Amino acid sequence: MAILKSPPRPPKNETVQIRVEEEIRTKLQKYAEFIDSSESYVVSEALNLLFRKDEEFRAWLGEHARNDDQAHTGGGSLFEIAKKASVCIASGSEVSQEARPQVKKALT
């Protein structure tokens, strides 16, 4: 057994193109500079904070995940896996290494 563990794999990134007001763009640049990070990191963390804090959205997301899963699988354990994954994502939690293959399967 290895003494050191492999580093965690970075999450898969997607590209999103958005339009924002000039003032927001400027503040985004300044905030990224302020925390010595990238603009992408600031946007991702701000969205994660929003998703964690908005209880109404989390409830809505859980309900829609349930409806979507029932439409595709008729309920069952796949729904439970997807529900747990959506709760983890909405709350900003990590999905455990052990659960990742199940979550990946559930989301494909």
Protein backbone atom coordinates (compact mmCIF):
# COMPACT_ATOMS: atom_id res chain seq x y z
CA MET A 1 0.00 0.00 0.00
CA ALA A 2 1.34 3.42 -0.93
CA ILE A 3 2.37 5.74 1.88
CA LEU A 4 1.15 8.79 -0.02
CA LYS A 5 -2.25 9.00 -1.63
CA SER A 6 -2.76 10.25 -5.15
CA PRO A 7 -3.87 13.87 -5.30
CA PRO A 8 -7.58 14.38 -5.92
CA ARG A 9 -8.51 14.84 -9.55
CA PRO A 10 -9.54 18.38 -10.38
CA PRO A 11 -13.20 18.76 -11.29
CA LYS A 12 -14.14 18.77 -14.95
CA ASN A 13 -14.48 22.34 -16.13
CA GLU A 14 -16.92 23.72 -18.66
CA THR A 15 -16.77 27.02 -20.51
CA VAL A 16 -19.63 29.47 -20.10
CA GLN A 17 -19.88 32.69 -22.04
CA ILE A 18 -21.98 35.42 -20.42
CA ARG A 19 -22.62 39.12 -20.86
CA VAL A 20 -22.46 41.42 -17.84
CA GLU A 21 -22.55 45.14 -17.32
CA GLU A 22 -19.21 46.88 -17.58
CA GLU A 23 -19.27 47.81 -13.89
CA ILE A 24 -19.75 44.16 -12.88
CA ARG A 25 -16.85 43.09 -15.13
CA THR A 26 -14.61 45.70 -13.53
CA LYS A 27 -15.56 44.63 -10.02
CA LEU A 28 -15.00 40.99 -10.95
CA GLN A 29 -11.50 41.80 -12.17
CA LYS A 30 -10.76 43.81 -9.03
CA TYR A 31 -12.13 41.13 -6.69
CA ALA A 32 -10.03 38.46 -8.40
CA GLU A 33 -6.99 40.70 -7.98
CA PHE A 34 -7.96 41.38 -4.35
CA ILE A 35 -7.97 37.67 -3.44
CA ASP A 36 -5.09 36.86 -5.80
CA SER A 37 -7.13 34.45 -7.87
CA SER A 38 -8.70 34.06 -11.29
CA GLU A 39 -11.98 35.56 -12.41
CA SER A 40 -13.20 32.04 -13.13
CA TYR A 41 -12.57 31.03 -9.52
CA VAL A 42 -14.46 34.08 -8.21
CA VAL A 43 -17.48 33.34 -10.40
CA SER A 44 -17.49 29.62 -9.51
CA GLU A 45 -17.22 30.29 -5.79
CA ALA A 46 -19.86 33.03 -5.90
CA LEU A 47 -22.27 30.64 -7.64
CA ASN A 48 -21.49 27.85 -5.17
CA LEU A 49 -22.21 30.27 -2.31
CA LEU A 50 -25.49 31.25 -3.94
CA PHE A 51 -26.52 27.62 -4.44
CA ARG A 52 -25.62 26.75 -0.82
CA LYS A 53 -27.45 29.71 0.72
CA ASP A 54 -30.66 29.65 -1.33
CA GLU A 55 -32.83 27.14 0.52
CA GLU A 56 -35.76 27.65 -1.85
CA PHE A 57 -33.54 26.78 -4.82
CA ARG A 58 -32.21 23.66 -3.06
CA ALA A 59 -35.77 22.50 -2.42
CA TRP A 60 -36.72 23.22 -6.04
CA LEU A 61 -33.62 21.40 -7.29
CA GLY A 62 -34.42 18.38 -5.15
CA GLU A 63 -37.98 18.29 -6.43
CA HIS A 64 -36.91 18.59 -10.06
CA ALA A 65 -34.23 15.94 -9.64
CA ARG A 66 -36.93 13.65 -8.23
CA ASN A 67 -39.31 14.40 -11.11
CA ASP A 68 -36.60 13.99 -13.74
CA ASP A 69 -35.43 10.69 -12.26
CA GLN A 70 -38.91 9.26 -11.99
CA ALA A 71 -39.55 10.15 -15.61
CA HIS A 72 -36.33 8.41 -16.72
CA THR A 73 -36.00 5.49 -14.30
CA GLY A 74 -39.34 5.15 -12.56
CA GLY A 75 -37.82 5.91 -9.13
CA GLY A 76 -35.48 3.26 -7.76
CA SER A 77 -31.98 3.51 -6.36
CA LEU A 78 -30.65 5.58 -9.26
CA PHE A 79 -32.89 8.40 -8.06
CA GLU A 80 -31.43 8.22 -4.56
CA ILE A 81 -27.89 8.45 -5.95
CA ALA A 82 -28.74 11.42 -8.19
CA LYS A 83 -30.60 13.12 -5.33
CA LYS A 84 -27.61 12.77 -3.02
CA ALA A 85 -25.31 14.09 -5.74
CA SER A 86 -27.54 17.11 -6.40
CA VAL A 87 -27.70 17.86 -2.67
CA CYS A 88 -23.90 17.65 -2.45
CA ILE A 89 -23.49 19.91 -5.46
CA ALA A 90 -26.09 22.42 -4.22
CA SER A 91 -24.55 22.50 -0.76
CA GLY A 92 -21.01 22.82 -2.09
CA SER A 93 -19.96 19.49 -0.55
CA GLU A 94 -17.61 17.05 -2.16
CA VAL A 95 -18.91 13.74 -3.44
CA SER A 96 -16.91 10.97 -1.78
CA GLN A 97 -14.40 9.03 -3.85
CA GLU A 98 -16.38 5.84 -3.26
CA ALA A 99 -19.63 7.38 -4.52
CA ARG A 100 -18.18 9.05 -7.61
CA PRO A 101 -18.56 6.04 -9.95
CA GLN A 102 -22.21 5.67 -8.90
CA VAL A 103 -22.85 9.39 -9.29
CA LYS A 104 -21.18 9.43 -12.70
CA LYS A 105 -23.32 6.50 -13.81
CA ALA A 106 -26.46 8.14 -12.42
CA LEU A 107 -25.78 11.39 -14.25
CA THR A 108 -25.10 9.80 -17.66
